[in-house]
Amino acid sequence: PELLVGSFRCLKCGLVAPDVPQQYHLTRPALCRNPRCQNRASSEFQLEISGGGDNDDLTGSGKGGGSEFVDWQRLRVQENADEIPPGSMPRTIDVVVRNEMVERAKAGDRVVLTGSLVVVPDGSAL
């Protein structure tokens, strides 16, 4: 699963930082919102997996549930060999599908894709 929005608990004071948007890698809060804590170490925040059902006074405003995950799948799409000039190599592109589109296509299927082209940095280079 892919983490879309994360809720993180400060390990120093217990305050939950809800609805932290995620972009291609795990993004923790930069600092704790508790004015008495002021924790600035991103390693001191723990991802809250559940919906946060505990009735703790340290959970902030009480809104914005737990973390939100979605299914995803990477497809490698290749040009049809029948549609390229002889001697040419077919071009490929990686496509990421989410939610209900996961496991809809299998190897060898012809597909028509509509979406947005996004350049994603190589994770190993970060």
C-alpha atoms as a PDB file:
ATOM      1  CA  PRO A   1       0.000   0.000   0.000  1.00  0.00           C
ATOM      2  CA  GLU A   2       0.962   3.629  -0.544  1.00  0.00           C
ATOM      3  CA  LEU A   3       0.673   6.237   2.201  1.00  0.00           C
ATOM      4  CA  LEU A   4      -1.294   9.266   0.933  1.00  0.00           C
ATOM      5  CA  VAL A   5      -1.872  11.183   4.174  1.00  0.00           C
ATOM      6  CA  GLY A   6      -0.155  10.379   7.448  1.00  0.00           C
ATOM      7  CA  SER A   7      -0.922  11.086  11.090  1.00  0.00           C
ATOM      8  CA  PHE A   8       2.162  11.179  13.294  1.00  0.00           C
ATOM      9  CA  ARG A   9       2.478  11.042  17.097  1.00  0.00           C
ATOM     10  CA  CYS A  10       5.243  13.010  18.800  1.00  0.00           C
ATOM     11  CA  LEU A  11       7.196  10.550  20.943  1.00  0.00           C
ATOM     12  CA  LYS A  12       8.140  13.293  23.434  1.00  0.00           C
ATOM     13  CA  CYS A  13       4.702  14.713  24.345  1.00  0.00           C
ATOM     14  CA  GLY A  14       2.185  12.402  22.609  1.00  0.00           C
ATOM     15  CA  LEU A  15       0.479  15.075  20.465  1.00  0.00           C
ATOM     16  CA  VAL A  16      -0.843  13.778  17.124  1.00  0.00           C
ATOM     17  CA  ALA A  17      -0.106  15.755  13.963  1.00  0.00           C
ATOM     18  CA  PRO A  18      -2.943  14.730  11.615  1.00  0.00           C
ATOM     19  CA  ASP A  19      -3.218  14.967   7.830  1.00  0.00           C
ATOM     20  CA  VAL A  20       0.456  15.302   6.849  1.00  0.00           C
ATOM     21  CA  PRO A  21       0.476  14.996   3.011  1.00  0.00           C
ATOM     22  CA  GLN A  22       2.972  12.549   1.523  1.00  0.00           C
ATOM     23  CA  GLN A  23       4.946  13.082  -1.699  1.00  0.00           C
ATOM     24  CA  TYR A  24       6.872  10.064  -3.088  1.00  0.00           C
ATOM     25  CA  HIS A  25       8.618   9.316   0.231  1.00  0.00           C
ATOM     26  CA  LEU A  26       7.796   9.307   3.940  1.00  0.00           C
ATOM     27  CA  THR A  27       7.370  12.932   5.046  1.00  0.00           C
ATOM     28  CA  ARG A  28       7.307  13.432   8.821  1.00  0.00           C
ATOM     29  CA  PRO A  29       6.348  16.706  10.540  1.00  0.00           C
ATOM     30  CA  ALA A  30       9.155  19.250  10.781  1.00  0.00           C
ATOM     31  CA  LEU A  31       8.296  20.149  14.397  1.00  0.00           C
ATOM     32  CA  CYS A  32       5.756  19.398  17.094  1.00  0.00           C
ATOM     33  CA  ARG A  33       2.766  21.788  17.313  1.00  0.00           C
ATOM     34  CA  ASN A  34       2.751  21.602  21.120  1.00  0.00           C
ATOM     35  CA  PRO A  35       4.227  24.945  22.295  1.00  0.00           C
ATOM     36  CA  ARG A  36       5.702  23.301  25.397  1.00  0.00           C
ATOM     37  CA  CYS A  37       7.373  20.471  23.474  1.00  0.00           C
ATOM     38  CA  GLN A  38       8.870  22.085  20.345  1.00  0.00           C
ATOM     39  CA  ASN A  39      10.308  18.741  19.199  1.00  0.00           C
ATOM     40  CA  ARG A  40      12.268  19.368  15.979  1.00  0.00           C
ATOM     41  CA  ALA A  41      13.678  15.866  15.428  1.00  0.00           C
ATOM     42  CA  SER A  42      11.730  14.192  12.613  1.00  0.00           C
ATOM     43  CA  SER A  43      12.871  10.790  13.898  1.00  0.00           C
ATOM     44  CA  GLU A  44      10.853  11.469  17.085  1.00  0.00           C
ATOM     45  CA  PHE A  45       7.489  11.126  15.262  1.00  0.00           C
ATOM     46  CA  GLN A  46       5.760   7.748  14.921  1.00  0.00           C
ATOM     47  CA  LEU A  47       3.260   6.981  12.142  1.00  0.00           C
ATOM     48  CA  GLU A  48      -0.244   6.304  13.485  1.00  0.00           C
ATOM     49  CA  ILE A  49      -1.670   3.367  11.524  1.00  0.00           C
ATOM     50  CA  SER A  50      -5.133   3.114  13.121  1.00  0.00           C
ATOM     51  CA  GLY A  51      -7.937   5.656  12.993  1.00  0.00           C
ATOM     52  CA  GLY A  52      -6.858   7.088  16.346  1.00  0.00           C
ATOM     53  CA  GLY A  53      -9.812   5.820  18.380  1.00  0.00           C
ATOM     54  CA  ASP A  54      -8.227   6.449  21.783  1.00  0.00           C
ATOM     55  CA  ASN A  55      -9.836   9.229  23.824  1.00  0.00           C
ATOM     56  CA  ASP A  56      -6.571  10.853  24.776  1.00  0.00           C
ATOM     57  CA  ASP A  57      -6.471  14.602  25.501  1.00  0.00           C
ATOM     58  CA  LEU A  58      -3.128  14.792  23.700  1.00  0.00           C
ATOM     59  CA  THR A  59      -4.587  13.989  20.269  1.00  0.00           C
ATOM     60  CA  GLY A  60      -4.958  17.633  19.298  1.00  0.00           C
ATOM     61  CA  SER A  61      -8.309  18.729  17.913  1.00  0.00           C
ATOM     62  CA  GLY A  62      -9.697  15.206  17.637  1.00  0.00           C
ATOM     63  CA  LYS A  63     -10.415  15.557  13.928  1.00  0.00           C
ATOM     64  CA  GLY A  64      -8.539  14.117  10.958  1.00  0.00           C
ATOM     65  CA  GLY A  65      -8.454  10.351  11.549  1.00  0.00           C
ATOM     66  CA  GLY A  66      -5.514   8.050  11.132  1.00  0.00           C
ATOM     67  CA  SER A  67      -3.281   7.571   8.160  1.00  0.00           C
ATOM     68  CA  GLU A  68      -4.750   6.936   4.711  1.00  0.00           C
ATOM     69  CA  PHE A  69      -3.371   4.166   2.509  1.00  0.00           C
ATOM     70  CA  VAL A  70      -4.318   3.143  -1.047  1.00  0.00           C
ATOM     71  CA  ASP A  71      -3.476   0.164  -3.252  1.00  0.00           C
ATOM     72  CA  TRP A  72      -1.110   0.912  -6.135  1.00  0.00           C
ATOM     73  CA  GLN A  73       0.606  -0.952  -8.938  1.00  0.00           C
ATOM     74  CA  ARG A  74       3.396  -0.068 -11.364  1.00  0.00           C
ATOM     75  CA  LEU A  75       2.781  -1.125 -14.966  1.00  0.00           C
ATOM     76  CA  ARG A  76       5.512  -1.130 -17.613  1.00  0.00           C
ATOM     77  CA  VAL A  77       3.760  -0.191 -20.852  1.00  0.00           C
ATOM     78  CA  GLN A  78       5.498  -0.960 -24.144  1.00  0.00           C
ATOM     79  CA  GLU A  79       4.766   0.026 -27.743  1.00  0.00           C
ATOM     80  CA  ASN A  80       3.161  -2.702 -29.818  1.00  0.00           C
ATOM     81  CA  ALA A  81       5.827  -4.398 -31.972  1.00  0.00           C
ATOM     82  CA  ASP A  82       3.414  -4.389 -34.950  1.00  0.00           C
ATOM     83  CA  GLU A  83       3.226  -0.575 -34.919  1.00  0.00           C
ATOM     84  CA  ILE A  84       6.934   0.342 -34.989  1.00  0.00           C
ATOM     85  CA  PRO A  85       9.347   0.338 -37.945  1.00  0.00           C
ATOM     86  CA  PRO A  86      11.378  -2.870 -38.513  1.00  0.00           C
ATOM     87  CA  GLY A  87      14.646  -2.905 -36.575  1.00  0.00           C
ATOM     88  CA  SER A  88      13.438  -0.377 -33.993  1.00  0.00           C
ATOM     89  CA  MET A  89      13.283  -1.061 -30.290  1.00  0.00           C
ATOM     90  CA  PRO A  90       9.841  -0.570 -28.710  1.00  0.00           C
ATOM     91  CA  ARG A  91       9.741   2.316 -26.205  1.00  0.00           C
ATOM     92  CA  THR A  92       8.522   1.739 -22.664  1.00  0.00           C
ATOM     93  CA  ILE A  93       7.109   3.932 -19.926  1.00  0.00           C
ATOM     94  CA  ASP A  94       6.228   3.118 -16.322  1.00  0.00           C
ATOM     95  CA  VAL A  95       2.647   3.888 -15.301  1.00  0.00           C
ATOM     96  CA  VAL A  96       1.422   3.966 -11.693  1.00  0.00           C
ATOM     97  CA  VAL A  97      -2.228   3.071 -11.160  1.00  0.00           C
ATOM     98  CA  ARG A  98      -4.113   3.406  -7.884  1.00  0.00           C
ATOM     99  CA  ASN A  99      -7.329   2.302  -6.186  1.00  0.00           C
ATOM    100  CA  GLU A 100      -9.813   0.458  -8.438  1.00  0.00           C
ATOM    101  CA  MET A 101      -7.385   0.291 -11.410  1.00  0.00           C
ATOM    102  CA  VAL A 102      -5.023  -2.075  -9.561  1.00  0.00           C
ATOM    103  CA  GLU A 103      -4.869  -5.584 -11.084  1.00  0.00           C
ATOM    104  CA  ARG A 104      -7.180  -4.658 -13.998  1.00  0.00           C
ATOM    105  CA  ALA A 105      -4.497  -5.202 -16.679  1.00  0.00           C
ATOM    106  CA  LYS A 106      -2.278  -8.244 -17.144  1.00  0.00           C
ATOM    107  CA  ALA A 107       0.763  -8.941 -19.331  1.00  0.00           C
ATOM    108  CA  GLY A 108      -0.059  -8.796 -23.042  1.00  0.00           C
ATOM    109  CA  ASP A 109      -3.233  -6.689 -22.711  1.00  0.00           C
ATOM    110  CA  ARG A 110      -3.720  -3.727 -25.025  1.00  0.00           C
ATOM    111  CA  VAL A 111      -4.644  -0.654 -23.017  1.00  0.00           C
ATOM    112  CA  VAL A 112      -5.593   2.971 -23.561  1.00  0.00           C
ATOM    113  CA  LEU A 113      -4.352   5.196 -20.755  1.00  0.00           C
ATOM    114  CA  THR A 114      -5.428   8.695 -19.774  1.00  0.00           C
ATOM    115  CA  GLY A 115      -3.657  10.611 -17.054  1.00  0.00           C
ATOM    116  CA  SER A 116      -0.982  13.131 -16.181  1.00  0.00           C
ATOM    117  CA  LEU A 117       2.697  12.751 -16.956  1.00  0.00           C
ATOM    118  CA  VAL A 118       4.680  13.245 -13.751  1.00  0.00           C
ATOM    119  CA  VAL A 119       8.444  13.050 -13.458  1.00  0.00           C
ATOM    120  CA  VAL A 120       9.234  11.113 -10.292  1.00  0.00           C
ATOM    121  CA  PRO A 121      12.774  11.339  -8.908  1.00  0.00           C
ATOM    122  CA  ASP A 122      14.674   8.092  -8.639  1.00  0.00           C
ATOM    123  CA  GLY A 123      14.326   6.902  -5.020  1.00  0.00           C
ATOM    124  CA  SER A 124      17.857   5.471  -4.939  1.00  0.00           C
ATOM    125  CA  ALA A 125      19.298   8.846  -5.935  1.00  0.00           C
ATOM    126  CA  LEU A 126      17.710  10.698  -2.991  1.00  0.00           C
END
